[in-house]
Each structure stands twice: as structure tokens, then as C-alpha cells.
Amino acid sequence: MSTNQSTLETLGATRTLDQIRKYGIDKEMLERIAAERQEMQRIKQEQKERLPGQFLSLKHDKETRTFLFTGNYQKIEVPAKDFVTKQIIPGKMVTKYRFQVYDLTSFDTNNPPEPAIWERGMTEADQVLYWFEKGITELTIMRNGAPNSQKTTYNIYPANR
């Protein structure tokens, strides 16, 4: 078989090299490419618009931190991940909220904290936004759950300062 007779399998259609050279990329593949590039542009734009700061997390049971929320937050759609394997689940998206905070847990006037990001799902976001509505932005967060537990919950209440 000569090189020009070789075939490529794309989306179920088999075409020779000569057909590809003559007719170019088929319409279905061009649509797929356009969708991929659109997704790449969306991700780039989202990264540009991301709130500044390092991500914070509470990792241990009963770990407690006090955050001063700036009031800035983003609601974003991200690909869902399998909890155990951490692999992305194709076609499934989840809503996350990224809150800009200052971690006041061990506040030192000589070394004030930098803005950081606390990312949570809808359950915790609803609690935080409830306190925002009440005009309260300094909140204590307590994790209830072992490391890597799917059953972790958070107590969110006004800080006692």
C-alpha cells in the first residue's frame, strides 16, 4: 500500500490521505475543533478574571479558622471530579463559589495576612451568603469530618472578636 492510500479513522469516517488533502477537514471535525477552542478561550478568560490569592482549605476534623470575607466572590462552573480517583467526570459540571478572604486565625499586626481564596460548594456558600445579608463578614469556620471524608460538614458562625 502506498503512502497516499493510507487511511485515517476520524469520528467513524475513513478517508484516504488524498481525500484529506483534496477536501480538507470534514465539517463535523471543524465543529469539534471550534468547540474545543471556545472552551480553551473560556478557561483562559476565567483564569484572567480569577480573584487574586492562594487557595485555603481546612484539612483536619475540628480544625477552626477565622476568615474576614472581603465580600468579593465568584460563582463558577467546574468539571465534576470523582471523589476517590480525582479524575474528571466527562460531561458533568458542578457549581463552586470562590470567596476572597483574609485568614485572621493567627493575626499578627506586624505581618498582616494576604488575600486568599476559600472555595466551597453550594451548601457552605449558602451559609456564607446568609451572614453577608446580615452584614457579618468575619466568620469562624469549623470543619467536622476526617481528612478526605465525603461526609465533611462545616459550622459557619460569626467570629467572637
Protein backbone atom coordinates (compact mmCIF):
# COMPACT_ATOMS: atom_id res chain seq x y z
CA MET A 1 0.00 0.00 0.00
CA SER A 2 1.46 3.37 -0.97
CA THR A 3 1.54 6.33 1.42
CA ASN A 4 -1.32 8.06 -0.44
CA GLN A 5 -3.50 5.01 0.04
CA SER A 6 -3.13 5.01 3.86
CA THR A 7 -6.30 5.79 5.77
CA LEU A 8 -7.11 7.58 8.99
CA GLU A 9 -10.08 6.88 11.24
CA THR A 10 -11.83 10.06 12.45
CA LEU A 11 -15.25 10.10 14.06
CA GLY A 12 -16.23 6.91 12.28
CA ALA A 13 -15.36 8.13 8.76
CA THR A 14 -12.44 6.53 6.92
CA ARG A 15 -10.74 8.73 4.34
CA THR A 16 -7.59 8.38 2.29
CA LEU A 17 -4.74 10.85 2.51
CA ASP A 18 -5.65 12.09 -0.95
CA GLN A 19 -9.24 12.77 0.19
CA ILE A 20 -7.99 14.65 3.22
CA ARG A 21 -5.64 16.72 1.06
CA LYS A 22 -8.34 17.45 -1.50
CA TYR A 23 -11.33 18.12 0.78
CA GLY A 24 -9.61 19.19 4.00
CA ILE A 25 -11.05 18.56 7.43
CA ASP A 26 -14.69 17.48 7.44
CA LYS A 27 -17.43 19.71 8.85
CA GLU A 28 -18.05 17.57 11.93
CA MET A 29 -14.37 17.74 12.91
CA LEU A 30 -14.25 21.50 12.29
CA GLU A 31 -17.22 21.94 14.64
CA ARG A 32 -15.45 19.84 17.26
CA ILE A 33 -12.28 21.92 16.87
CA ALA A 34 -14.26 25.15 17.18
CA ALA A 35 -15.90 23.88 20.38
CA GLU A 36 -12.51 22.87 21.83
CA ARG A 37 -11.01 26.28 21.04
CA GLN A 38 -14.04 28.04 22.52
CA GLU A 39 -13.59 26.03 25.74
CA MET A 40 -9.86 26.93 25.80
CA GLN A 41 -10.73 30.63 25.44
CA ARG A 42 -13.33 30.36 28.22
CA ILE A 43 -10.74 28.80 30.55
CA LYS A 44 -8.15 31.46 29.70
CA GLN A 45 -10.69 34.22 30.36
CA GLU A 46 -11.77 32.60 33.63
CA GLN A 47 -8.14 32.47 34.75
CA LYS A 48 -7.70 36.17 33.96
CA GLU A 49 -10.81 37.03 36.00
CA ARG A 50 -9.93 34.82 38.97
CA LEU A 51 -9.76 36.55 42.30
CA PRO A 52 -6.16 37.02 43.47
CA GLY A 53 -4.76 34.91 46.30
CA GLN A 54 -3.70 31.41 47.29
CA PHE A 55 -6.33 28.78 47.99
CA LEU A 56 -7.05 27.96 51.65
CA SER A 57 -8.51 24.75 53.00
CA LEU A 58 -9.36 23.15 56.31
CA LYS A 59 -7.99 19.62 56.27
CA HIS A 60 -8.50 18.12 59.74
CA ASP A 61 -11.51 17.29 61.91
CA LYS A 62 -12.42 20.15 64.26
CA GLU A 63 -9.91 22.47 62.55
CA THR A 64 -11.19 26.00 63.10
CA ARG A 65 -10.24 29.20 61.31
CA THR A 66 -11.50 32.77 61.36
CA PHE A 67 -11.87 34.45 57.99
CA LEU A 68 -12.62 38.08 57.22
CA PHE A 69 -14.57 37.96 53.96
CA THR A 70 -13.99 40.90 51.59
CA GLY A 71 -17.43 40.46 50.01
CA ASN A 72 -15.82 39.56 46.66
CA TYR A 73 -16.73 36.14 45.35
CA GLN A 74 -17.12 34.27 42.09
CA LYS A 75 -19.66 31.65 41.13
CA ILE A 76 -18.08 29.27 38.63
CA GLU A 77 -18.92 26.03 36.86
CA VAL A 78 -16.12 23.47 37.00
CA PRO A 79 -15.85 19.89 35.76
CA ALA A 80 -17.01 17.40 38.39
CA LYS A 81 -14.33 15.06 39.77
CA ASP A 82 -14.66 11.56 41.16
CA PHE A 83 -14.02 11.87 44.92
CA VAL A 84 -11.82 8.76 45.13
CA THR A 85 -9.83 8.87 41.89
CA LYS A 86 -9.84 12.68 41.44
CA GLN A 87 -10.50 12.05 37.74
CA ILE A 88 -12.79 14.44 35.85
CA ILE A 89 -16.24 13.02 35.13
CA PRO A 90 -16.89 13.75 31.44
CA GLY A 91 -19.93 15.92 30.75
CA LYS A 92 -20.69 16.69 34.40
CA MET A 93 -20.25 20.17 35.87
CA VAL A 94 -20.64 21.45 39.45
CA THR A 95 -21.10 24.95 40.83
CA LYS A 96 -18.38 26.28 43.10
CA TYR A 97 -18.06 29.58 44.92
CA ARG A 98 -14.69 31.25 45.41
CA PHE A 99 -14.69 33.68 48.30
CA GLN A 100 -11.88 36.19 48.81
CA VAL A 101 -10.88 36.15 52.49
CA TYR A 102 -8.22 37.20 54.95
CA ASP A 103 -7.25 34.40 57.33
CA LEU A 104 -7.28 36.05 60.77
CA THR A 105 -6.74 32.80 62.67
CA SER A 106 -3.28 33.80 63.86
CA PHE A 107 -3.42 37.53 63.10
CA ASP A 108 -0.18 39.43 63.64
CA THR A 109 -0.26 43.24 63.25
CA ASN A 110 3.41 43.18 62.17
CA ASN A 111 2.65 40.63 59.45
CA PRO A 112 -0.91 41.17 58.13
CA PRO A 113 -2.40 38.39 56.01
CA GLU A 114 -2.58 38.46 52.22
CA PRO A 115 -5.93 37.98 50.48
CA ALA A 116 -6.68 34.30 49.89
CA ILE A 117 -9.42 32.19 48.28
CA TRP A 118 -11.74 29.76 50.08
CA GLU A 119 -13.56 27.61 47.51
CA ARG A 120 -16.71 25.75 48.53
CA GLY A 121 -19.86 24.26 47.08
CA MET A 122 -23.42 25.46 47.32
CA THR A 123 -24.11 24.26 50.89
CA GLU A 124 -21.33 26.31 52.50
CA ALA A 125 -21.80 29.22 50.08
CA ASP A 126 -25.45 29.50 51.14
CA GLN A 127 -24.37 29.80 54.80
CA VAL A 128 -21.70 32.43 53.99
CA LEU A 129 -24.10 34.48 51.87
CA TYR A 130 -26.70 34.30 54.69
CA TRP A 131 -24.22 36.01 57.03
CA PHE A 132 -23.33 38.56 54.32
CA GLU A 133 -27.02 39.50 54.15
CA LYS A 134 -26.92 40.11 57.91
CA GLY A 135 -23.90 42.43 57.43
CA ILE A 136 -21.49 39.96 59.08
CA THR A 137 -18.25 39.29 57.20
CA GLU A 138 -15.92 37.99 59.93
CA LEU A 139 -16.80 34.33 60.29
CA THR A 140 -15.43 31.33 62.13
CA ILE A 141 -15.37 28.12 60.11
CA MET A 142 -15.08 24.71 61.82
CA ARG A 143 -14.58 21.54 59.82
CA ASN A 144 -16.43 18.42 61.00
CA GLY A 145 -15.01 15.39 59.27
CA ALA A 146 -11.87 13.31 58.95
CA PRO A 147 -9.36 14.13 56.20
CA ASN A 148 -10.66 13.02 52.78
CA SER A 149 -14.13 12.26 54.15
CA GLN A 150 -17.08 12.68 51.80
CA LYS A 151 -19.32 13.38 54.80
CA THR A 152 -17.48 16.50 55.96
CA THR A 153 -19.64 19.42 57.05
CA TYR A 154 -18.74 22.92 58.16
CA ASN A 155 -20.09 25.02 61.03
CA ILE A 156 -20.05 28.68 59.96
CA TYR A 157 -20.86 31.32 62.52
CA PRO A 158 -19.92 34.93 63.44
CA ALA A 159 -16.46 35.33 64.94
CA ASN A 160 -16.25 36.33 68.61
CA ARG A 161 -13.79 39.20 68.40
